[in-house]
Amino acid sequence: MSRVLWLAMAGCLLGAGCFQDSTAQHSAFLPLSNYQATFQVVRDCRLNIQHSNQYQLVYANTIAAEPYTNGVYPLPAGSVVFAEEHDNDSSCTSLTGYDLMAKEQPGYDSAAHDWHWQELDDNQRVLKDGHLTTCSSCHAQPPCNDFLCSPP
């Protein structure tokens, strides 16, 4: 086995955040430089108890913004929605990380409505990436629509 594969297996065994595929990072996710100018805020800063009591500010790209804010589901392929995570900060000024979702082409992960998931730290280092069942299993529950659980 290659050294890279052994390192990946060791990381999973040590709890580094396994994911079910080796899909390359979604190009729409990184880098998020200047995202405040290229993404639209679709939900103001609110407490999200499902995400470890973090405050979240939710953004969407131009493909996702209108259907998201109007509640038109499912969102089309190419949609990118992400939340800034803020710890104990109702003004959303103390960034601790990001949770991102990108709607891939049909067939990517039909059980999760073809969403690709990422979790990043506050320096935009990828912590988790791909078919994340820890994300999709919760986002499949009501009252979520198309795996989006943060109403506008």
C-alpha atoms as a PDB file:
ATOM      1  CA  MET A   1       0.000   0.000   0.000  1.00  0.00           C
ATOM      2  CA  SER A   2       1.171   3.492  -0.681  1.00  0.00           C
ATOM      3  CA  ARG A   3       2.329   5.715   2.147  1.00  0.00           C
ATOM      4  CA  VAL A   4      -0.510   8.173   1.455  1.00  0.00           C
ATOM      5  CA  LEU A   5      -3.128   5.437   1.813  1.00  0.00           C
ATOM      6  CA  TRP A   6      -1.579   4.266   5.081  1.00  0.00           C
ATOM      7  CA  LEU A   7      -1.576   7.831   6.402  1.00  0.00           C
ATOM      8  CA  ALA A   8      -5.212   8.295   5.403  1.00  0.00           C
ATOM      9  CA  MET A   9      -6.204   5.052   7.111  1.00  0.00           C
ATOM     10  CA  ALA A  10      -4.283   6.028  10.243  1.00  0.00           C
ATOM     11  CA  GLY A  11      -6.019   9.423  10.287  1.00  0.00           C
ATOM     12  CA  CYS A  12      -9.432   7.771  10.087  1.00  0.00           C
ATOM     13  CA  LEU A  13      -8.567   5.355  12.868  1.00  0.00           C
ATOM     14  CA  LEU A  14      -7.444   8.241  15.052  1.00  0.00           C
ATOM     15  CA  GLY A  15     -10.725  10.059  14.469  1.00  0.00           C
ATOM     16  CA  ALA A  16      -9.498  12.721  12.082  1.00  0.00           C
ATOM     17  CA  GLY A  17     -12.855  12.755  10.321  1.00  0.00           C
ATOM     18  CA  CYS A  18     -13.343   9.990   7.779  1.00  0.00           C
ATOM     19  CA  PHE A  19     -15.432  10.601   4.735  1.00  0.00           C
ATOM     20  CA  GLN A  20     -16.741   8.074   2.302  1.00  0.00           C
ATOM     21  CA  ASP A  21     -15.052   9.219  -0.872  1.00  0.00           C
ATOM     22  CA  SER A  22     -11.815  10.655  -2.158  1.00  0.00           C
ATOM     23  CA  THR A  23     -13.496  13.317  -4.265  1.00  0.00           C
ATOM     24  CA  ALA A  24     -11.263  16.303  -4.839  1.00  0.00           C
ATOM     25  CA  GLN A  25     -12.218  19.406  -2.926  1.00  0.00           C
ATOM     26  CA  HIS A  26     -15.058  21.223  -4.630  1.00  0.00           C
ATOM     27  CA  SER A  27     -13.603  24.108  -6.616  1.00  0.00           C
ATOM     28  CA  ALA A  28     -16.479  26.421  -5.637  1.00  0.00           C
ATOM     29  CA  PHE A  29     -15.503  26.122  -1.958  1.00  0.00           C
ATOM     30  CA  LEU A  30     -11.908  27.210  -1.824  1.00  0.00           C
ATOM     31  CA  PRO A  31     -10.586  29.749  -1.441  1.00  0.00           C
ATOM     32  CA  LEU A  32     -13.337  31.774   0.162  1.00  0.00           C
ATOM     33  CA  SER A  33     -11.381  35.001  -0.215  1.00  0.00           C
ATOM     34  CA  ASN A  34     -13.650  37.983  -0.736  1.00  0.00           C
ATOM     35  CA  TYR A  35     -16.771  35.833  -0.319  1.00  0.00           C
ATOM     36  CA  GLN A  36     -18.661  38.736   1.241  1.00  0.00           C
ATOM     37  CA  ALA A  37     -18.559  40.377  -2.195  1.00  0.00           C
ATOM     38  CA  THR A  38     -19.337  37.280  -4.281  1.00  0.00           C
ATOM     39  CA  PHE A  39     -21.896  35.461  -2.086  1.00  0.00           C
ATOM     40  CA  GLN A  40     -25.186  36.833  -0.782  1.00  0.00           C
ATOM     41  CA  VAL A  41     -26.240  36.712   2.866  1.00  0.00           C
ATOM     42  CA  VAL A  42     -29.454  34.648   2.817  1.00  0.00           C
ATOM     43  CA  ARG A  43     -29.983  34.334   6.562  1.00  0.00           C
ATOM     44  CA  ASP A  44     -28.986  36.734   9.281  1.00  0.00           C
ATOM     45  CA  CYS A  45     -26.960  35.830  12.362  1.00  0.00           C
ATOM     46  CA  ARG A  46     -28.931  33.324  14.459  1.00  0.00           C
ATOM     47  CA  LEU A  47     -28.272  30.709  17.106  1.00  0.00           C
ATOM     48  CA  ASN A  48     -28.200  27.155  15.757  1.00  0.00           C
ATOM     49  CA  ILE A  49     -28.570  24.632  18.572  1.00  0.00           C
ATOM     50  CA  GLN A  50     -28.025  21.697  16.176  1.00  0.00           C
ATOM     51  CA  HIS A  51     -24.501  22.969  15.463  1.00  0.00           C
ATOM     52  CA  SER A  52     -23.123  22.989  19.023  1.00  0.00           C
ATOM     53  CA  ASN A  53     -24.963  26.186  19.954  1.00  0.00           C
ATOM     54  CA  GLN A  54     -23.009  28.183  17.400  1.00  0.00           C
ATOM     55  CA  TYR A  55     -24.305  31.394  15.900  1.00  0.00           C
ATOM     56  CA  GLN A  56     -24.424  31.183  12.105  1.00  0.00           C
ATOM     57  CA  LEU A  57     -24.530  33.675   9.262  1.00  0.00           C
ATOM     58  CA  VAL A  58     -25.606  31.890   6.047  1.00  0.00           C
ATOM     59  CA  TYR A  59     -24.399  32.777   2.535  1.00  0.00           C
ATOM     60  CA  ALA A  60     -25.347  31.457  -0.927  1.00  0.00           C
ATOM     61  CA  ASN A  61     -23.917  31.823  -4.417  1.00  0.00           C
ATOM     62  CA  THR A  62     -25.946  33.414  -7.220  1.00  0.00           C
ATOM     63  CA  ILE A  63     -27.345  30.041  -8.308  1.00  0.00           C
ATOM     64  CA  ALA A  64     -28.687  29.251  -4.831  1.00  0.00           C
ATOM     65  CA  ALA A  65     -29.617  32.662  -3.389  1.00  0.00           C
ATOM     66  CA  GLU A  66     -32.993  33.249  -5.034  1.00  0.00           C
ATOM     67  CA  PRO A  67     -34.431  29.727  -4.667  1.00  0.00           C
ATOM     68  CA  TYR A  68     -33.134  29.554  -1.069  1.00  0.00           C
ATOM     69  CA  THR A  69     -34.672  32.863   0.002  1.00  0.00           C
ATOM     70  CA  ASN A  70     -37.955  32.040  -1.773  1.00  0.00           C
ATOM     71  CA  GLY A  71     -38.143  28.477  -0.406  1.00  0.00           C
ATOM     72  CA  VAL A  72     -38.018  26.849  -3.853  1.00  0.00           C
ATOM     73  CA  TYR A  73     -36.655  23.321  -3.336  1.00  0.00           C
ATOM     74  CA  PRO A  74     -34.735  21.370  -4.433  1.00  0.00           C
ATOM     75  CA  LEU A  75     -31.938  23.810  -5.236  1.00  0.00           C
ATOM     76  CA  PRO A  76     -30.302  23.367  -8.658  1.00  0.00           C
ATOM     77  CA  ALA A  77     -26.935  21.745  -9.304  1.00  0.00           C
ATOM     78  CA  GLY A  78     -24.163  24.299  -8.879  1.00  0.00           C
ATOM     79  CA  SER A  79     -25.739  25.776  -5.747  1.00  0.00           C
ATOM     80  CA  VAL A  80     -23.317  26.562  -2.931  1.00  0.00           C
ATOM     81  CA  VAL A  81     -24.587  27.404   0.554  1.00  0.00           C
ATOM     82  CA  PHE A  82     -22.366  27.892   3.576  1.00  0.00           C
ATOM     83  CA  ALA A  83     -22.522  29.131   7.130  1.00  0.00           C
ATOM     84  CA  GLU A  84     -19.975  31.100   9.038  1.00  0.00           C
ATOM     85  CA  GLU A  85     -19.782  29.626  12.541  1.00  0.00           C
ATOM     86  CA  HIS A  86     -19.409  31.981  15.515  1.00  0.00           C
ATOM     87  CA  ASP A  87     -18.911  30.838  19.107  1.00  0.00           C
ATOM     88  CA  ASN A  88     -21.151  32.527  21.726  1.00  0.00           C
ATOM     89  CA  ASP A  89     -21.428  35.646  19.566  1.00  0.00           C
ATOM     90  CA  SER A  90     -24.891  36.902  18.625  1.00  0.00           C
ATOM     91  CA  SER A  91     -23.329  39.631  16.462  1.00  0.00           C
ATOM     92  CA  CYS A  92     -21.416  37.044  14.364  1.00  0.00           C
ATOM     93  CA  THR A  93     -18.031  38.749  14.645  1.00  0.00           C
ATOM     94  CA  SER A  94     -15.927  35.934  16.204  1.00  0.00           C
ATOM     95  CA  LEU A  95     -15.439  33.469  13.347  1.00  0.00           C
ATOM     96  CA  THR A  96     -14.607  29.899  14.396  1.00  0.00           C
ATOM     97  CA  GLY A  97     -15.159  28.012  11.114  1.00  0.00           C
ATOM     98  CA  TYR A  98     -17.388  27.231   8.150  1.00  0.00           C
ATOM     99  CA  ASP A  99     -19.906  24.546   7.158  1.00  0.00           C
ATOM    100  CA  LEU A 100     -20.332  24.277   3.386  1.00  0.00           C
ATOM    101  CA  MET A 101     -22.652  22.456   1.002  1.00  0.00           C
ATOM    102  CA  ALA A 102     -22.417  22.302  -2.794  1.00  0.00           C
ATOM    103  CA  LYS A 103     -25.101  20.715  -4.967  1.00  0.00           C
ATOM    104  CA  GLU A 104     -23.299  18.401  -7.384  1.00  0.00           C
ATOM    105  CA  GLN A 105     -24.639  16.945 -10.617  1.00  0.00           C
ATOM    106  CA  PRO A 106     -27.324  14.227 -10.293  1.00  0.00           C
ATOM    107  CA  GLY A 107     -25.811  10.892  -9.278  1.00  0.00           C
ATOM    108  CA  TYR A 108     -23.092  12.275  -6.979  1.00  0.00           C
ATOM    109  CA  ASP A 109     -24.964  11.127  -3.849  1.00  0.00           C
ATOM    110  CA  SER A 110     -28.658  10.652  -4.595  1.00  0.00           C
ATOM    111  CA  ALA A 111     -29.432   9.578  -1.011  1.00  0.00           C
ATOM    112  CA  ALA A 112     -28.296  13.041   0.150  1.00  0.00           C
ATOM    113  CA  HIS A 113     -29.849  14.922  -2.806  1.00  0.00           C
ATOM    114  CA  ASP A 114     -26.373  15.180  -4.378  1.00  0.00           C
ATOM    115  CA  TRP A 115     -24.947  17.526  -1.740  1.00  0.00           C
ATOM    116  CA  HIS A 116     -21.173  17.642  -1.239  1.00  0.00           C
ATOM    117  CA  TRP A 117     -20.216  18.644   2.315  1.00  0.00           C
ATOM    118  CA  GLN A 118     -17.222  20.382   3.836  1.00  0.00           C
ATOM    119  CA  GLU A 119     -16.254  21.579   7.274  1.00  0.00           C
ATOM    120  CA  LEU A 120     -13.452  24.142   7.532  1.00  0.00           C
ATOM    121  CA  ASP A 121     -11.720  25.831  10.419  1.00  0.00           C
ATOM    122  CA  ASP A 122     -11.462  29.616  10.710  1.00  0.00           C
ATOM    123  CA  ASN A 123      -8.311  29.584   8.523  1.00  0.00           C
ATOM    124  CA  GLN A 124     -10.228  27.697   5.799  1.00  0.00           C
ATOM    125  CA  ARG A 125      -8.328  24.455   6.334  1.00  0.00           C
ATOM    126  CA  VAL A 126     -10.522  21.522   5.341  1.00  0.00           C
ATOM    127  CA  LEU A 127     -11.379  19.341   8.318  1.00  0.00           C
ATOM    128  CA  LYS A 128     -13.953  17.112   6.595  1.00  0.00           C
ATOM    129  CA  ASP A 129     -14.887  16.748   2.925  1.00  0.00           C
ATOM    130  CA  GLY A 130     -17.136  14.618   0.729  1.00  0.00           C
ATOM    131  CA  HIS A 131     -20.090  12.321   1.450  1.00  0.00           C
ATOM    132  CA  LEU A 132     -20.396  13.148   5.152  1.00  0.00           C
ATOM    133  CA  THR A 133     -23.031  10.948   6.744  1.00  0.00           C
ATOM    134  CA  THR A 134     -22.646  12.888  10.000  1.00  0.00           C
ATOM    135  CA  CYS A 135     -24.039  15.889   8.101  1.00  0.00           C
ATOM    136  CA  SER A 136     -26.522  14.231   5.762  1.00  0.00           C
ATOM    137  CA  SER A 137     -28.165  12.070   8.440  1.00  0.00           C
ATOM    138  CA  CYS A 138     -29.203  15.138  10.453  1.00  0.00           C
ATOM    139  CA  HIS A 139     -30.003  17.278   7.411  1.00  0.00           C
ATOM    140  CA  ALA A 140     -32.365  14.563   6.124  1.00  0.00           C
ATOM    141  CA  GLN A 141     -34.699  15.112   9.087  1.00  0.00           C
ATOM    142  CA  PRO A 142     -37.710  17.455   9.135  1.00  0.00           C
ATOM    143  CA  PRO A 143     -38.048  20.404   9.086  1.00  0.00           C
ATOM    144  CA  CYS A 144     -35.170  20.492   6.579  1.00  0.00           C
ATOM    145  CA  ASN A 145     -35.930  21.040   2.891  1.00  0.00           C
ATOM    146  CA  ASP A 146     -33.516  19.580   0.330  1.00  0.00           C
ATOM    147  CA  PHE A 147     -31.131  19.009   3.277  1.00  0.00           C
ATOM    148  CA  LEU A 148     -31.146  22.747   4.078  1.00  0.00           C
ATOM    149  CA  CYS A 149     -32.159  23.306   7.682  1.00  0.00           C
ATOM    150  CA  SER A 150     -31.666  27.051   8.081  1.00  0.00           C
ATOM    151  CA  PRO A 151     -34.797  28.838   6.889  1.00  0.00           C
ATOM    152  CA  PRO A 152     -34.225  32.324   5.507  1.00  0.00           C
END
